[in-house]
C-alpha cells in the first residue's frame, strides 16, 4: 500500500513540474514579444512566482518520491530502462536550471533571443516527457 501512495505522489509532483516546464517557456515567448514596460514587469513577476513557487517545489517532490520508489524497488537499479530514464531526468533538471537562468536574464533586461527561439525552446520538455513515459511504461530494455 505504501508503494502505491508514493507512486501516486510521484506522479502528481511530476505533473505539476511538467506543467511549469511547459508554461514557463511559453511565458518567455510572450515576454520576448512584449514591448511595453508594464508587460515586461508583469511577465517577470509571473515567471518568478511560477519558477520558485511551483516548479522548484514540484521538481524536489518528484525527485524525493522517485528516490523513495527506488528505495522500495532496488531491483530496478539493474534494469537498462531505468538508467536511460535517470539520464533523461538529469538532463531535464539541467533544462529546469537553464529556464531559471533565462528567467534571471529577463529580470535584468538582458534577453537577447526572439520569441521564435522560445517557441522552439518550449518544445524540449515534450520530448523528455514522451521518452520518459515510454521508458517507464514499455520498459524496452
Foldseek 3Di string as FASTA:
>chain_A
DVLVVLVVQLVVLVVQQVVLLLVLLVLVLVLQVDDDPVSLVVSLVVNVCSLVVTNVVSLVSNVVSVVVNCVVPVVCVVAPLVVVLVVLNVVVVVLSVVSVVVSVCSVVVNDDDHSVVSVVSSCVVVVSVVSNVCSVPVVPD
